[in-house]
N, C-alpha and C. Protein backbone atom coordinates (compact mmCIF):
# COMPACT_ATOMS: atom_id res chain seq x y z
N MET A 1 -9.38 9.40 -5.43
CA MET A 1 -8.41 8.43 -5.38
C MET A 1 -9.39 7.41 -4.54
N ASN A 2 -9.70 6.02 -4.93
CA ASN A 2 -11.12 5.18 -4.43
C ASN A 2 -10.60 4.38 -3.03
N ILE A 3 -11.54 4.57 -2.43
CA ILE A 3 -11.15 3.18 -1.18
C ILE A 3 -12.68 2.49 -1.24
N VAL A 4 -11.98 1.27 -1.38
CA VAL A 4 -13.07 0.36 -0.98
C VAL A 4 -13.47 -0.84 0.16
N VAL A 5 -13.96 -0.99 1.07
CA VAL A 5 -13.75 -1.82 1.97
C VAL A 5 -14.73 -3.08 1.82
N LYS A 6 -14.58 -4.22 1.92
CA LYS A 6 -15.19 -5.45 1.69
C LYS A 6 -15.25 -6.54 2.28
N ALA A 7 -16.01 -7.14 2.61
CA ALA A 7 -15.84 -8.16 3.61
C ALA A 7 -16.83 -9.87 2.99
N ARG A 8 -16.34 -10.83 3.46
CA ARG A 8 -16.30 -12.51 2.98
C ARG A 8 -16.73 -13.29 4.40
N HIS A 9 -17.92 -13.64 4.25
CA HIS A 9 -18.08 -14.44 5.52
C HIS A 9 -18.28 -13.70 6.95
N MET A 10 -18.78 -12.42 6.90
CA MET A 10 -18.84 -11.69 8.04
C MET A 10 -19.27 -9.95 7.73
N ASP A 11 -19.82 -9.48 8.30
CA ASP A 11 -20.32 -8.15 7.97
C ASP A 11 -19.40 -7.25 8.62
N VAL A 12 -19.24 -6.09 7.88
CA VAL A 12 -18.21 -4.88 8.49
C VAL A 12 -19.02 -4.00 9.35
N THR A 13 -18.01 -3.55 11.12
CA THR A 13 -18.91 -3.14 11.69
C THR A 13 -18.27 -1.91 11.00
N ASP A 14 -19.19 -0.58 11.54
CA ASP A 14 -18.48 0.78 11.30
C ASP A 14 -17.32 1.15 11.78
N ALA A 15 -17.11 0.61 13.17
CA ALA A 15 -15.83 1.00 13.84
C ALA A 15 -14.46 0.57 12.89
N MET A 16 -14.39 -0.47 12.40
CA MET A 16 -13.46 -1.43 11.65
C MET A 16 -13.40 -0.58 10.13
N ARG A 17 -14.57 -0.21 9.90
CA ARG A 17 -14.35 0.20 8.36
C ARG A 17 -13.89 1.77 8.25
N GLN A 18 -14.25 2.24 9.52
CA GLN A 18 -13.63 3.94 9.91
C GLN A 18 -11.87 3.70 10.26
N HIS A 19 -11.87 2.42 10.73
CA HIS A 19 -10.19 1.66 11.19
C HIS A 19 -9.53 1.72 10.14
N MET A 20 -9.97 1.42 8.81
CA MET A 20 -9.25 0.55 7.98
C MET A 20 -9.15 1.98 6.69
N GLU A 21 -10.30 3.21 6.65
CA GLU A 21 -10.57 4.07 5.46
C GLU A 21 -9.30 5.06 6.20
N SER A 22 -8.86 5.01 7.71
CA SER A 22 -8.34 6.03 8.08
C SER A 22 -6.99 6.04 7.72
N LYS A 23 -6.45 4.67 8.32
CA LYS A 23 -5.42 3.47 7.48
C LYS A 23 -4.87 3.86 6.00
N LEU A 24 -5.83 3.61 5.37
CA LEU A 24 -5.67 3.36 4.43
C LEU A 24 -5.59 4.75 3.24
N GLY A 25 -6.27 5.38 3.70
CA GLY A 25 -6.01 7.02 3.65
C GLY A 25 -4.80 8.11 3.36
N LYS A 26 -4.01 6.79 4.60
CA LYS A 26 -2.60 7.67 4.41
C LYS A 26 -1.71 7.40 3.51
N LEU A 27 -1.87 6.08 2.73
CA LEU A 27 -0.92 5.78 1.68
C LEU A 27 -1.03 6.80 0.86
N PRO A 28 -1.53 7.71 0.25
CA PRO A 28 -1.36 8.41 -1.02
C PRO A 28 0.10 9.36 -0.43
N ARG A 29 0.32 9.16 0.36
CA ARG A 29 1.70 10.27 1.10
C ARG A 29 2.31 9.42 0.89
N LEU A 30 2.87 8.64 0.74
CA LEU A 30 3.58 7.76 0.36
C LEU A 30 4.41 7.87 -1.03
N TYR A 31 3.04 7.48 -1.79
CA TYR A 31 3.19 7.23 -3.23
C TYR A 31 2.03 7.82 -4.15
N GLU A 32 2.23 9.27 -4.99
CA GLU A 32 1.00 9.79 -5.32
C GLU A 32 0.48 9.65 -6.38
N GLY A 33 0.85 7.94 -7.10
CA GLY A 33 0.55 7.46 -8.23
C GLY A 33 -0.38 6.32 -7.70
N ILE A 34 -0.86 6.55 -6.79
CA ILE A 34 -1.89 5.55 -6.23
C ILE A 34 -3.51 5.68 -6.91
N GLN A 35 -4.08 5.14 -7.41
CA GLN A 35 -5.51 5.30 -8.09
C GLN A 35 -6.51 4.63 -7.73
N SER A 36 -6.43 3.49 -7.19
CA SER A 36 -7.17 3.28 -5.93
C SER A 36 -7.11 1.91 -4.82
N ILE A 37 -8.07 1.67 -3.97
CA ILE A 37 -7.31 1.16 -3.00
C ILE A 37 -8.56 -0.40 -2.45
N GLU A 38 -8.00 -1.14 -2.51
CA GLU A 38 -9.56 -2.36 -2.24
C GLU A 38 -8.81 -3.21 -0.81
N ALA A 39 -9.93 -3.04 0.23
CA ALA A 39 -9.55 -4.08 1.48
C ALA A 39 -10.57 -4.90 1.19
N ILE A 40 -9.99 -6.16 1.63
CA ILE A 40 -11.03 -7.38 1.82
C ILE A 40 -10.79 -7.75 3.23
N LEU A 41 -11.71 -7.60 3.94
CA LEU A 41 -11.78 -8.47 5.29
C LEU A 41 -12.30 -9.83 5.20
N ASP A 42 -11.67 -10.88 5.71
CA ASP A 42 -12.14 -12.26 5.82
C ASP A 42 -12.19 -12.92 6.98
N ILE A 43 -13.32 -14.22 7.58
CA ILE A 43 -12.41 -14.80 8.69
C ILE A 43 -12.67 -16.54 7.85
N GLU A 44 -11.50 -17.10 8.32
CA GLU A 44 -11.00 -18.40 7.66
C GLU A 44 -10.93 -19.39 8.82
N ALA A 45 -11.44 -20.20 9.39
CA ALA A 45 -10.80 -20.96 10.29
C ALA A 45 -10.18 -20.54 11.68
N ASP A 46 -11.39 -19.42 12.41
CA ASP A 46 -11.19 -18.75 13.55
C ASP A 46 -10.22 -17.95 13.29
N GLN A 47 -9.68 -17.44 12.25
CA GLN A 47 -8.45 -15.92 11.78
C GLN A 47 -8.92 -15.40 11.30
N SER A 48 -8.74 -14.47 11.70
CA SER A 48 -9.15 -12.99 10.50
C SER A 48 -8.37 -12.72 9.24
N VAL A 49 -8.52 -12.82 8.35
CA VAL A 49 -7.51 -12.26 7.04
C VAL A 49 -7.83 -11.12 6.62
N VAL A 50 -7.18 -10.59 6.47
CA VAL A 50 -6.88 -9.36 5.49
C VAL A 50 -6.40 -8.85 4.21
N GLU A 51 -7.16 -8.94 3.05
CA GLU A 51 -6.26 -8.53 1.98
C GLU A 51 -6.35 -6.96 1.82
N ILE A 52 -5.65 -6.62 1.12
CA ILE A 52 -5.30 -5.47 0.52
C ILE A 52 -4.63 -5.12 -0.48
N ILE A 53 -5.39 -4.62 -1.63
CA ILE A 53 -5.30 -4.63 -2.76
C ILE A 53 -4.41 -2.77 -3.47
N VAL A 54 -3.55 -2.79 -4.10
CA VAL A 54 -3.48 -1.02 -4.36
C VAL A 54 -3.13 -1.21 -5.66
N ALA A 55 -3.80 -0.33 -6.53
CA ALA A 55 -3.87 -0.41 -7.70
C ALA A 55 -2.97 0.98 -8.64
N ALA A 56 -2.17 0.95 -8.78
CA ALA A 56 -1.29 2.87 -9.16
C ALA A 56 -1.00 3.05 -10.82
N ARG A 57 -0.20 3.84 -11.17
CA ARG A 57 -0.02 4.05 -12.26
C ARG A 57 0.95 2.79 -13.11
N ARG A 58 0.44 2.91 -14.20
CA ARG A 58 1.36 2.21 -15.25
C ARG A 58 1.22 0.91 -14.65
N LYS A 59 -0.37 0.43 -14.45
CA LYS A 59 -0.44 -0.95 -14.00
C LYS A 59 0.64 -1.71 -12.91
N HIS A 60 0.80 -1.23 -12.26
CA HIS A 60 1.53 -1.65 -11.08
C HIS A 60 0.67 -1.74 -9.73
N THR A 61 0.59 -3.10 -9.50
CA THR A 61 -0.58 -3.51 -8.58
C THR A 61 0.10 -4.07 -6.92
N PHE A 62 -0.31 -3.26 -5.76
CA PHE A 62 0.43 -4.19 -4.93
C PHE A 62 -0.33 -4.69 -3.90
N VAL A 63 -0.16 -6.63 -3.39
CA VAL A 63 -0.94 -7.04 -2.77
C VAL A 63 -0.47 -7.36 -1.53
N ALA A 64 -1.21 -7.22 -0.41
CA ALA A 64 -0.95 -7.59 1.27
C ALA A 64 -1.76 -8.77 1.25
N THR A 65 -1.21 -9.70 2.03
CA THR A 65 -2.40 -10.76 3.15
C THR A 65 -1.75 -10.75 4.44
N HIS A 66 -2.36 -10.83 5.07
CA HIS A 66 -2.03 -11.21 6.62
C HIS A 66 -3.27 -12.08 7.19
N ARG A 67 -2.52 -13.21 8.15
CA ARG A 67 -3.77 -13.47 8.87
C ARG A 67 -2.89 -13.39 10.54
N HIS A 68 -4.15 -13.19 11.38
CA HIS A 68 -4.14 -12.94 12.90
C HIS A 68 -5.38 -13.69 13.19
N ALA A 69 -5.38 -13.50 14.38
CA ALA A 69 -6.75 -13.61 15.53
C ALA A 69 -7.62 -12.35 15.98
N ASP A 70 -6.64 -11.24 15.67
CA ASP A 70 -7.22 -9.78 16.46
C ASP A 70 -7.29 -9.59 14.93
N MET A 71 -8.79 -9.11 14.21
CA MET A 71 -8.82 -8.25 13.21
C MET A 71 -8.08 -6.80 12.98
N TYR A 72 -7.76 -6.28 13.80
CA TYR A 72 -7.40 -4.73 13.91
C TYR A 72 -5.84 -5.05 13.90
N ALA A 73 -4.82 -6.00 14.27
CA ALA A 73 -4.24 -6.17 14.46
C ALA A 73 -3.43 -6.92 13.37
N CYS A 74 -4.35 -7.56 12.23
CA CYS A 74 -3.93 -8.20 10.93
C CYS A 74 -4.29 -6.96 10.31
N ALA A 75 -4.93 -6.00 10.48
CA ALA A 75 -5.55 -4.94 9.69
C ALA A 75 -4.11 -4.00 9.59
N ASP A 76 -3.41 -3.86 10.77
CA ASP A 76 -2.35 -3.22 10.97
C ASP A 76 -1.08 -3.91 10.46
N GLN A 77 -1.09 -5.03 10.52
CA GLN A 77 0.07 -5.86 10.12
C GLN A 77 -0.16 -5.36 8.20
N CYS A 78 -1.04 -5.71 7.91
CA CYS A 78 -1.45 -5.82 6.28
C CYS A 78 -0.67 -3.99 6.24
N MET A 79 -1.10 -3.63 6.21
CA MET A 79 -0.97 -1.94 5.88
C MET A 79 0.74 -1.81 6.16
N ASP A 80 1.08 -2.48 7.69
CA ASP A 80 2.90 -2.19 7.68
C ASP A 80 3.52 -2.64 5.94
N LYS A 81 3.01 -3.98 5.47
CA LYS A 81 3.03 -4.94 4.71
C LYS A 81 3.37 -4.20 3.03
N ILE A 82 1.64 -3.74 3.30
CA ILE A 82 1.71 -2.47 1.80
C ILE A 82 2.42 -1.50 1.60
N ALA A 83 2.61 -1.00 3.11
CA ALA A 83 3.59 0.55 2.77
C ALA A 83 5.06 -0.12 2.65
N ARG A 84 5.34 -1.24 3.03
CA ARG A 84 6.79 -1.28 2.96
C ARG A 84 6.79 -1.61 1.48
N GLN A 85 5.90 -2.39 0.61
CA GLN A 85 6.00 -2.52 -1.25
C GLN A 85 6.05 -1.29 -1.45
N ILE A 86 5.24 -0.25 -1.17
CA ILE A 86 5.62 0.90 -1.82
C ILE A 86 6.73 1.93 -1.58
N ARG A 87 6.93 2.09 -0.46
CA ARG A 87 8.59 2.37 -0.18
C ARG A 87 9.40 1.53 -1.10
N ARG A 88 9.41 0.84 -1.36
CA ARG A 88 10.33 0.14 -2.42
C ARG A 88 10.38 0.48 -3.51
N HIS A 89 9.23 0.38 -4.09
CA HIS A 89 8.33 0.85 -5.56
C HIS A 89 8.88 1.82 -5.50
N LYS A 90 8.75 3.15 -4.55
CA LYS A 90 9.09 4.48 -4.89
C LYS A 90 10.85 4.39 -4.46
N ASP A 91 11.45 3.94 -4.23
CA ASP A 91 12.89 3.93 -3.70
C ASP A 91 13.46 3.24 -5.41
N ARG A 92 13.11 2.35 -5.47
CA ARG A 92 13.37 1.74 -7.14
C ARG A 92 13.19 2.90 -8.04
N LEU A 93 12.04 3.28 -8.31
CA LEU A 93 11.77 4.65 -9.49
C LEU A 93 12.78 5.87 -9.24
N SER A 94 12.94 5.99 -7.93
CA SER A 94 13.83 7.11 -7.82
C SER A 94 15.69 6.97 -8.00
N SER A 95 16.17 5.78 -7.95
CA SER A 95 17.41 5.16 -8.10
C SER A 95 17.80 5.04 -9.46
N ARG A 96 16.62 4.74 -10.15
CA ARG A 96 16.81 4.78 -11.50
C ARG A 96 16.84 5.66 -12.67
N ARG A 97 16.31 7.47 -11.86
CA ARG A 97 17.04 8.50 -12.61
C ARG A 97 17.74 8.24 -12.89
N ILE A 98 18.18 9.11 -13.95
CA ILE A 98 20.09 9.72 -14.60
C ILE A 98 20.23 10.88 -13.84
N GLU A 99 21.16 11.11 -12.96
CA GLU A 99 21.84 12.94 -13.28
C GLU A 99 21.79 13.39 -14.61
N PRO A 100 20.72 15.13 -14.58
CA PRO A 100 20.76 15.84 -15.61
C PRO A 100 22.61 16.04 -15.93
N ALA A 101 22.53 15.95 -17.38
CA ALA A 101 24.19 16.35 -18.09
C ALA A 101 24.39 17.82 -17.22
N SER A 102 23.47 18.73 -16.81
CA SER A 102 23.72 19.90 -16.61
C SER A 102 24.67 19.98 -15.32
N HIS A 103 24.72 18.49 -14.51
CA HIS A 103 25.18 19.28 -13.22
C HIS A 103 26.88 17.83 -12.95
N ILE A 104 27.00 17.58 -14.21
CA ILE A 104 28.36 16.99 -14.57
C ILE A 104 28.94 18.24 -14.88
N GLN A 105 30.43 18.05 -14.13
CA GLN A 105 31.37 18.60 -14.43
C GLN A 105 32.41 18.50 -15.63
N ALA A 106 32.97 19.30 -16.51
CA ALA A 106 33.68 18.61 -17.68
C ALA A 106 35.36 18.72 -16.55
N GLU A 107 36.23 18.12 -16.78
CA GLU A 107 37.77 17.89 -16.17
C GLU A 107 38.16 19.09 -17.07
N PRO A 108 39.10 19.63 -16.73
CA PRO A 108 39.96 20.54 -17.55
C PRO A 108 40.67 20.10 -17.74
N PRO A 109 41.12 20.64 -18.85
CA PRO A 109 42.81 19.99 -19.78
C PRO A 109 43.95 20.37 -19.30
N SER A 110 44.21 19.29 -19.03
CA SER A 110 45.78 19.15 -18.76
C SER A 110 47.00 19.99 -19.30
């Protein structure tokens, strides 16, 4: 899995990069189909903006964006959003599965 942390209009500090990589490294525990993760850090009009893009199997892409005054709080909120999207996707996949015929019991004839 590939994790990339980029920045626009600013430089990424080592502490921020480590924080993001440690948080993003936990996402594959939620869904094993994740192929790459990209985090984009930005500053717009005195507010921090974090955007996380997750590419998964079968062309599924998850995107979350959050704005906040504090960069660390912004990153944490954005991680919560992306984790929620991935959990919902995984729940949808598991609810689509049909129970195998071997588990279905036939009714006895009367």
